[in-house]
Amino acid sequence: MLKSLRTKIFSSFMLLVLMLVIAGIMSIIEFNKVGVSIKNVMDDNYKSIEQTKQMLDALEREDSGLLMYLMGNREMGSQTINTAYSAIQDAIKIAQNNITEKD
């Protein structure tokens, strides 16, 4: 009787250990899946952030062109504004093609 009680307790303990190992393996698999998803989102969002930086730089150039235009250097100011505007439009097109989150 004592041997059978010891066997039952040992079996129950081993069952708990087995369940814990299975839960650990499943957790590792799920964490790996989440890690891959996070990496993909970060990569996609990095492209959008880069395009936003390009737009910001172009807006600063456009501002400089406007100041040149107002200070009397109209030709160079207009050229700077047009170049910056084209850069903004290009960055917007690239950003629109890189939409990562849908409604």
N, C-alpha and C. Protein backbone atom coordinates (compact mmCIF):
# COMPACT_ATOMS: atom_id res chain seq x y z
N MET A 1 0.81 -1.19 0.00
CA MET A 1 0.00 0.00 0.00
C MET A 1 0.86 1.26 0.00
N LEU A 2 1.93 1.24 0.81
CA LEU A 2 2.82 2.39 0.86
C LEU A 2 3.51 2.60 -0.49
N LYS A 3 3.89 1.48 -1.11
CA LYS A 3 4.54 1.57 -2.41
C LYS A 3 3.58 2.12 -3.45
N SER A 4 2.36 1.72 -3.40
CA SER A 4 1.41 2.20 -4.38
C SER A 4 1.09 3.68 -4.16
N LEU A 5 1.06 4.14 -2.91
CA LEU A 5 0.84 5.56 -2.63
C LEU A 5 2.02 6.39 -3.12
N ARG A 6 3.22 5.88 -2.90
CA ARG A 6 4.43 6.55 -3.38
C ARG A 6 4.41 6.63 -4.91
N THR A 7 4.00 5.56 -5.54
CA THR A 7 3.92 5.53 -7.00
C THR A 7 2.89 6.53 -7.51
N LYS A 8 1.75 6.62 -6.85
CA LYS A 8 0.70 7.56 -7.26
C LYS A 8 1.19 9.01 -7.12
N ILE A 9 1.84 9.31 -6.01
CA ILE A 9 2.35 10.67 -5.80
C ILE A 9 3.43 11.00 -6.84
N PHE A 10 4.32 10.05 -7.08
CA PHE A 10 5.38 10.26 -8.07
C PHE A 10 4.77 10.45 -9.46
N SER A 11 3.78 9.64 -9.80
CA SER A 11 3.12 9.75 -11.10
C SER A 11 2.43 11.10 -11.24
N SER A 12 1.76 11.54 -10.19
CA SER A 12 1.10 12.85 -10.22
C SER A 12 2.13 13.97 -10.40
N PHE A 13 3.23 13.87 -9.69
CA PHE A 13 4.29 14.86 -9.81
C PHE A 13 4.86 14.88 -11.23
N MET A 14 5.10 13.72 -11.80
CA MET A 14 5.63 13.65 -13.17
C MET A 14 4.63 14.21 -14.18
N LEU A 15 3.34 13.98 -13.93
CA LEU A 15 2.32 14.52 -14.81
C LEU A 15 2.35 16.06 -14.77
N LEU A 16 2.49 16.60 -13.57
CA LEU A 16 2.59 18.06 -13.44
C LEU A 16 3.84 18.61 -14.14
N VAL A 17 4.95 17.91 -13.99
CA VAL A 17 6.19 18.32 -14.65
C VAL A 17 6.01 18.27 -16.16
N LEU A 18 5.39 17.22 -16.67
CA LEU A 18 5.15 17.09 -18.10
C LEU A 18 4.26 18.23 -18.60
N MET A 19 3.21 18.55 -17.86
CA MET A 19 2.32 19.64 -18.26
C MET A 19 3.07 20.98 -18.25
N LEU A 20 3.94 21.16 -17.29
CA LEU A 20 4.73 22.39 -17.21
C LEU A 20 5.69 22.49 -18.39
N VAL A 21 6.32 21.40 -18.76
CA VAL A 21 7.23 21.38 -19.92
C VAL A 21 6.46 21.70 -21.20
N ILE A 22 5.29 21.09 -21.37
CA ILE A 22 4.49 21.34 -22.57
C ILE A 22 4.07 22.81 -22.62
N ALA A 23 3.63 23.36 -21.48
CA ALA A 23 3.24 24.77 -21.44
C ALA A 23 4.44 25.67 -21.76
N GLY A 24 5.62 25.32 -21.27
CA GLY A 24 6.82 26.09 -21.57
C GLY A 24 7.17 26.07 -23.04
N ILE A 25 7.08 24.91 -23.65
CA ILE A 25 7.37 24.79 -25.09
C ILE A 25 6.38 25.61 -25.90
N MET A 26 5.09 25.52 -25.53
CA MET A 26 4.08 26.30 -26.24
C MET A 26 4.32 27.80 -26.08
N SER A 27 4.75 28.22 -24.90
CA SER A 27 5.05 29.64 -24.66
C SER A 27 6.21 30.10 -25.52
N ILE A 28 7.24 29.29 -25.62
CA ILE A 28 8.40 29.63 -26.45
C ILE A 28 7.99 29.78 -27.91
N ILE A 29 7.17 28.87 -28.40
CA ILE A 29 6.70 28.94 -29.79
C ILE A 29 5.90 30.21 -30.02
N GLU A 30 5.00 30.54 -29.10
CA GLU A 30 4.18 31.74 -29.26
C GLU A 30 5.02 33.01 -29.16
N PHE A 31 5.99 33.04 -28.26
CA PHE A 31 6.87 34.21 -28.17
C PHE A 31 7.67 34.39 -29.45
N ASN A 32 8.10 33.31 -30.06
CA ASN A 32 8.82 33.41 -31.33
C ASN A 32 7.92 34.00 -32.41
N LYS A 33 6.65 33.56 -32.44
CA LYS A 33 5.70 34.10 -33.43
C LYS A 33 5.48 35.59 -33.21
N VAL A 34 5.33 35.98 -31.96
CA VAL A 34 5.13 37.40 -31.64
C VAL A 34 6.38 38.20 -32.02
N GLY A 35 7.55 37.64 -31.77
CA GLY A 35 8.79 38.31 -32.12
C GLY A 35 8.90 38.57 -33.61
N VAL A 36 8.52 37.59 -34.42
CA VAL A 36 8.56 37.75 -35.87
C VAL A 36 7.56 38.82 -36.31
N SER A 37 6.37 38.81 -35.72
CA SER A 37 5.36 39.81 -36.06
C SER A 37 5.84 41.21 -35.70
N ILE A 38 6.43 41.35 -34.54
CA ILE A 38 6.93 42.66 -34.12
C ILE A 38 8.03 43.14 -35.06
N LYS A 39 8.92 42.24 -35.47
CA LYS A 39 10.00 42.62 -36.38
C LYS A 39 9.42 43.10 -37.72
N ASN A 40 8.41 42.40 -38.23
CA ASN A 40 7.80 42.81 -39.49
C ASN A 40 7.15 44.18 -39.38
N VAL A 41 6.43 44.42 -38.30
CA VAL A 41 5.78 45.72 -38.10
C VAL A 41 6.83 46.82 -37.99
N MET A 42 7.89 46.56 -37.24
CA MET A 42 8.95 47.56 -37.08
C MET A 42 9.62 47.87 -38.41
N ASP A 43 9.88 46.84 -39.22
CA ASP A 43 10.50 47.07 -40.52
C ASP A 43 9.60 47.91 -41.41
N ASP A 44 8.30 47.57 -41.44
CA ASP A 44 7.36 48.32 -42.26
C ASP A 44 7.22 49.76 -41.78
N ASN A 45 7.14 49.94 -40.48
CA ASN A 45 7.00 51.29 -39.94
C ASN A 45 8.27 52.10 -40.11
N TYR A 46 9.42 51.45 -40.14
CA TYR A 46 10.68 52.16 -40.37
C TYR A 46 10.66 52.86 -41.73
N LYS A 47 10.12 52.18 -42.73
CA LYS A 47 10.02 52.78 -44.07
C LYS A 47 9.14 54.03 -44.02
N SER A 48 8.03 53.95 -43.30
CA SER A 48 7.14 55.10 -43.18
C SER A 48 7.82 56.25 -42.44
N ILE A 49 8.57 55.93 -41.42
CA ILE A 49 9.27 56.97 -40.66
C ILE A 49 10.32 57.65 -41.53
N GLU A 50 11.02 56.88 -42.34
CA GLU A 50 12.01 57.46 -43.25
C GLU A 50 11.36 58.42 -44.24
N GLN A 51 10.19 58.04 -44.76
CA GLN A 51 9.49 58.93 -45.70
C GLN A 51 9.02 60.19 -45.00
N THR A 52 8.62 60.06 -43.75
CA THR A 52 8.21 61.23 -42.98
C THR A 52 9.39 62.18 -42.78
N LYS A 53 10.57 61.62 -42.53
CA LYS A 53 11.77 62.46 -42.40
C LYS A 53 12.07 63.18 -43.71
N GLN A 54 11.89 62.46 -44.83
CA GLN A 54 12.11 63.09 -46.14
C GLN A 54 11.15 64.25 -46.34
N MET A 55 9.89 64.06 -45.95
CA MET A 55 8.90 65.13 -46.08
C MET A 55 9.27 66.33 -45.21
N LEU A 56 9.72 66.06 -44.00
CA LEU A 56 10.11 67.14 -43.09
C LEU A 56 11.29 67.93 -43.65
N ASP A 57 12.28 67.22 -44.18
CA ASP A 57 13.43 67.90 -44.79
C ASP A 57 12.99 68.76 -45.98
N ALA A 58 12.09 68.21 -46.79
CA ALA A 58 11.62 68.96 -47.96
C ALA A 58 10.81 70.19 -47.52
N LEU A 59 10.04 70.06 -46.45
CA LEU A 59 9.30 71.22 -45.94
C LEU A 59 10.24 72.30 -45.44
N GLU A 60 11.33 71.91 -44.82
CA GLU A 60 12.32 72.89 -44.37
C GLU A 60 12.97 73.59 -45.56
N ARG A 61 13.25 72.83 -46.63
CA ARG A 61 13.81 73.44 -47.84
C ARG A 61 12.79 74.39 -48.48
N GLU A 62 11.53 73.98 -48.45
CA GLU A 62 10.48 74.84 -49.00
C GLU A 62 10.39 76.15 -48.21
N ASP A 63 10.52 76.04 -46.90
CA ASP A 63 10.52 77.23 -46.04
C ASP A 63 11.69 78.15 -46.40
N SER A 64 12.85 77.56 -46.60
CA SER A 64 14.03 78.35 -46.98
C SER A 64 13.80 79.02 -48.33
N GLY A 65 13.20 78.29 -49.26
CA GLY A 65 12.90 78.86 -50.57
C GLY A 65 11.92 80.02 -50.48
N LEU A 66 10.94 79.89 -49.60
CA LEU A 66 9.98 80.97 -49.41
C LEU A 66 10.65 82.21 -48.83
N LEU A 67 11.56 82.00 -47.88
CA LEU A 67 12.30 83.13 -47.32
C LEU A 67 13.18 83.80 -48.38
N MET A 68 13.82 82.99 -49.24
CA MET A 68 14.63 83.56 -50.33
C MET A 68 13.74 84.39 -51.25
N TYR A 69 12.58 83.85 -51.55
CA TYR A 69 11.65 84.55 -52.45
C TYR A 69 11.22 85.88 -51.84
N LEU A 70 10.91 85.87 -50.55
CA LEU A 70 10.47 87.10 -49.88
C LEU A 70 11.60 88.12 -49.72
N MET A 71 12.83 87.64 -49.66
CA MET A 71 13.98 88.53 -49.50
C MET A 71 14.43 89.14 -50.83
N GLY A 72 13.79 88.74 -51.93
CA GLY A 72 14.10 89.35 -53.21
C GLY A 72 14.78 88.43 -54.20
N ASN A 73 15.28 87.30 -53.77
CA ASN A 73 15.91 86.34 -54.68
C ASN A 73 14.83 85.41 -55.22
N ARG A 74 13.97 85.96 -56.09
CA ARG A 74 12.76 85.27 -56.53
C ARG A 74 13.06 84.02 -57.37
N GLU A 75 14.03 84.11 -58.24
CA GLU A 75 14.31 82.97 -59.12
C GLU A 75 14.81 81.76 -58.33
N MET A 76 15.80 81.98 -57.48
CA MET A 76 16.34 80.87 -56.69
C MET A 76 15.30 80.38 -55.68
N GLY A 77 14.53 81.30 -55.12
CA GLY A 77 13.48 80.92 -54.18
C GLY A 77 12.43 80.05 -54.84
N SER A 78 11.99 80.44 -56.04
CA SER A 78 10.99 79.64 -56.77
C SER A 78 11.53 78.26 -57.11
N GLN A 79 12.78 78.22 -57.53
CA GLN A 79 13.39 76.93 -57.88
C GLN A 79 13.48 76.02 -56.64
N THR A 80 13.86 76.59 -55.51
CA THR A 80 13.96 75.80 -54.28
C THR A 80 12.58 75.30 -53.85
N ILE A 81 11.58 76.16 -53.94
CA ILE A 81 10.21 75.77 -53.57
C ILE A 81 9.73 74.63 -54.47
N ASN A 82 9.95 74.76 -55.78
CA ASN A 82 9.49 73.72 -56.71
C ASN A 82 10.20 72.39 -56.48
N THR A 83 11.50 72.45 -56.23
CA THR A 83 12.26 71.22 -55.96
C THR A 83 11.76 70.56 -54.68
N ALA A 84 11.54 71.36 -53.65
CA ALA A 84 11.06 70.83 -52.38
C ALA A 84 9.66 70.25 -52.53
N TYR A 85 8.82 70.93 -53.29
CA TYR A 85 7.45 70.44 -53.50
C TYR A 85 7.47 69.08 -54.20
N SER A 86 8.33 68.94 -55.20
CA SER A 86 8.45 67.64 -55.89
C SER A 86 8.92 66.55 -54.93
N ALA A 87 9.86 66.89 -54.07
CA ALA A 87 10.37 65.91 -53.09
C ALA A 87 9.26 65.50 -52.12
N ILE A 88 8.45 66.46 -51.71
CA ILE A 88 7.33 66.15 -50.81
C ILE A 88 6.34 65.22 -51.50
N GLN A 89 6.00 65.52 -52.73
CA GLN A 89 5.05 64.68 -53.47
C GLN A 89 5.58 63.26 -53.66
N ASP A 90 6.87 63.14 -53.97
CA ASP A 90 7.47 61.81 -54.13
C ASP A 90 7.42 61.03 -52.82
N ALA A 91 7.74 61.69 -51.72
CA ALA A 91 7.72 61.02 -50.42
C ALA A 91 6.30 60.60 -50.05
N ILE A 92 5.32 61.43 -50.37
CA ILE A 92 3.92 61.08 -50.08
C ILE A 92 3.50 59.85 -50.88
N LYS A 93 3.89 59.79 -52.15
CA LYS A 93 3.53 58.63 -52.97
C LYS A 93 4.14 57.35 -52.41
N ILE A 94 5.41 57.43 -52.02
CA ILE A 94 6.07 56.25 -51.45
C ILE A 94 5.41 55.84 -50.14
N ALA A 95 5.07 56.83 -49.30
CA ALA A 95 4.43 56.53 -48.02
C ALA A 95 3.05 55.92 -48.23
N GLN A 96 2.32 56.38 -49.23
CA GLN A 96 1.00 55.82 -49.51
C GLN A 96 1.09 54.37 -49.95
N ASN A 97 2.15 54.02 -50.65
CA ASN A 97 2.33 52.63 -51.08
C ASN A 97 2.83 51.74 -49.96
N ASN A 98 3.20 52.34 -48.83
CA ASN A 98 3.74 51.57 -47.71
C ASN A 98 2.79 51.58 -46.51
N ILE A 99 1.50 51.63 -46.76
CA ILE A 99 0.53 51.63 -45.66
C ILE A 99 0.58 50.26 -45.01
N THR A 100 0.90 50.24 -43.72
CA THR A 100 1.07 48.96 -43.02
C THR A 100 -0.14 48.56 -42.21
N GLU A 101 -0.93 49.52 -41.78
CA GLU A 101 -2.09 49.23 -40.95
C GLU A 101 -3.35 49.55 -41.74
N LYS A 102 -4.19 48.57 -41.90
CA LYS A 102 -5.47 48.76 -42.59
C LYS A 102 -6.54 48.99 -41.53
N ASP A 103 -7.64 49.63 -41.96
CA ASP A 103 -8.75 49.87 -41.02
C ASP A 103 -9.31 48.59 -40.60
